[in-house]
Amino acid sequence: MNHHRGGYDGQTGFPAGCRIALVQACWHRDIVDAARDAFLYEASVLGLPGEQVDLFDVPGAFELPLQAKMLASSGLLHAIVAIGLVADGGIYRHEFVASAVIDGLMQVQLESHIPVLSVVLTPIRFHDSGEHRAFFHEHFKVKGTEAARACLGAIQATERVRRLATETEHASCRPVPPK
């Protein structure tokens, strides 16, 4: 039996030449920047040089899926990380925006076969007060760190599947068609 474990194994780092795009929404930029900075720091600890991460800004979270799709179609990336904060502003239902963003990011991942990780958070009853801002600033730091580890794990898992597919392609054990 071959057990192909997924996720960050804690042992190895990013593959040589690995390139990642990090796309962030600009609403609540000071909070979103905390996730970006934590991601960049943790990725560097895990062996990814900063010059191998391309940073992109979009106006808001709603624009993240389109940017991710355009980046995925470049064929140059091993993964894409999307960061944003979708807050309940009281004018519209933020659940619809959050759902559209997450569904869009998932669609990009499924169509491109490139891991797309989400650090798009949707707090319930976010208040633009000092206490809430401080809490989410710290929370986004944690999520940025977790995203770097998840990104490494997703890249490792994807690379294992690609290697397995290549090995199997050359194997003689093709399924026998039914009679």
Foldseek 3Di string as FASTA:
>chain_A
DDDQDFFQPVPAAADPLAAEEEEEACVLVLLQVLLVVLLQVLNVVRPDDPVRYHYHYDHALLCVLVVLLVVLVVVNHQEYEYTHEQECPVPDDSVVSVVNSVVSQVVSCVVRVHYYHYNYDYDYPQDPDPVSSVVSSVVSSVVSNVVNRRNRRSSSSSVVVVVVVVVVVPDPDDDDDDD
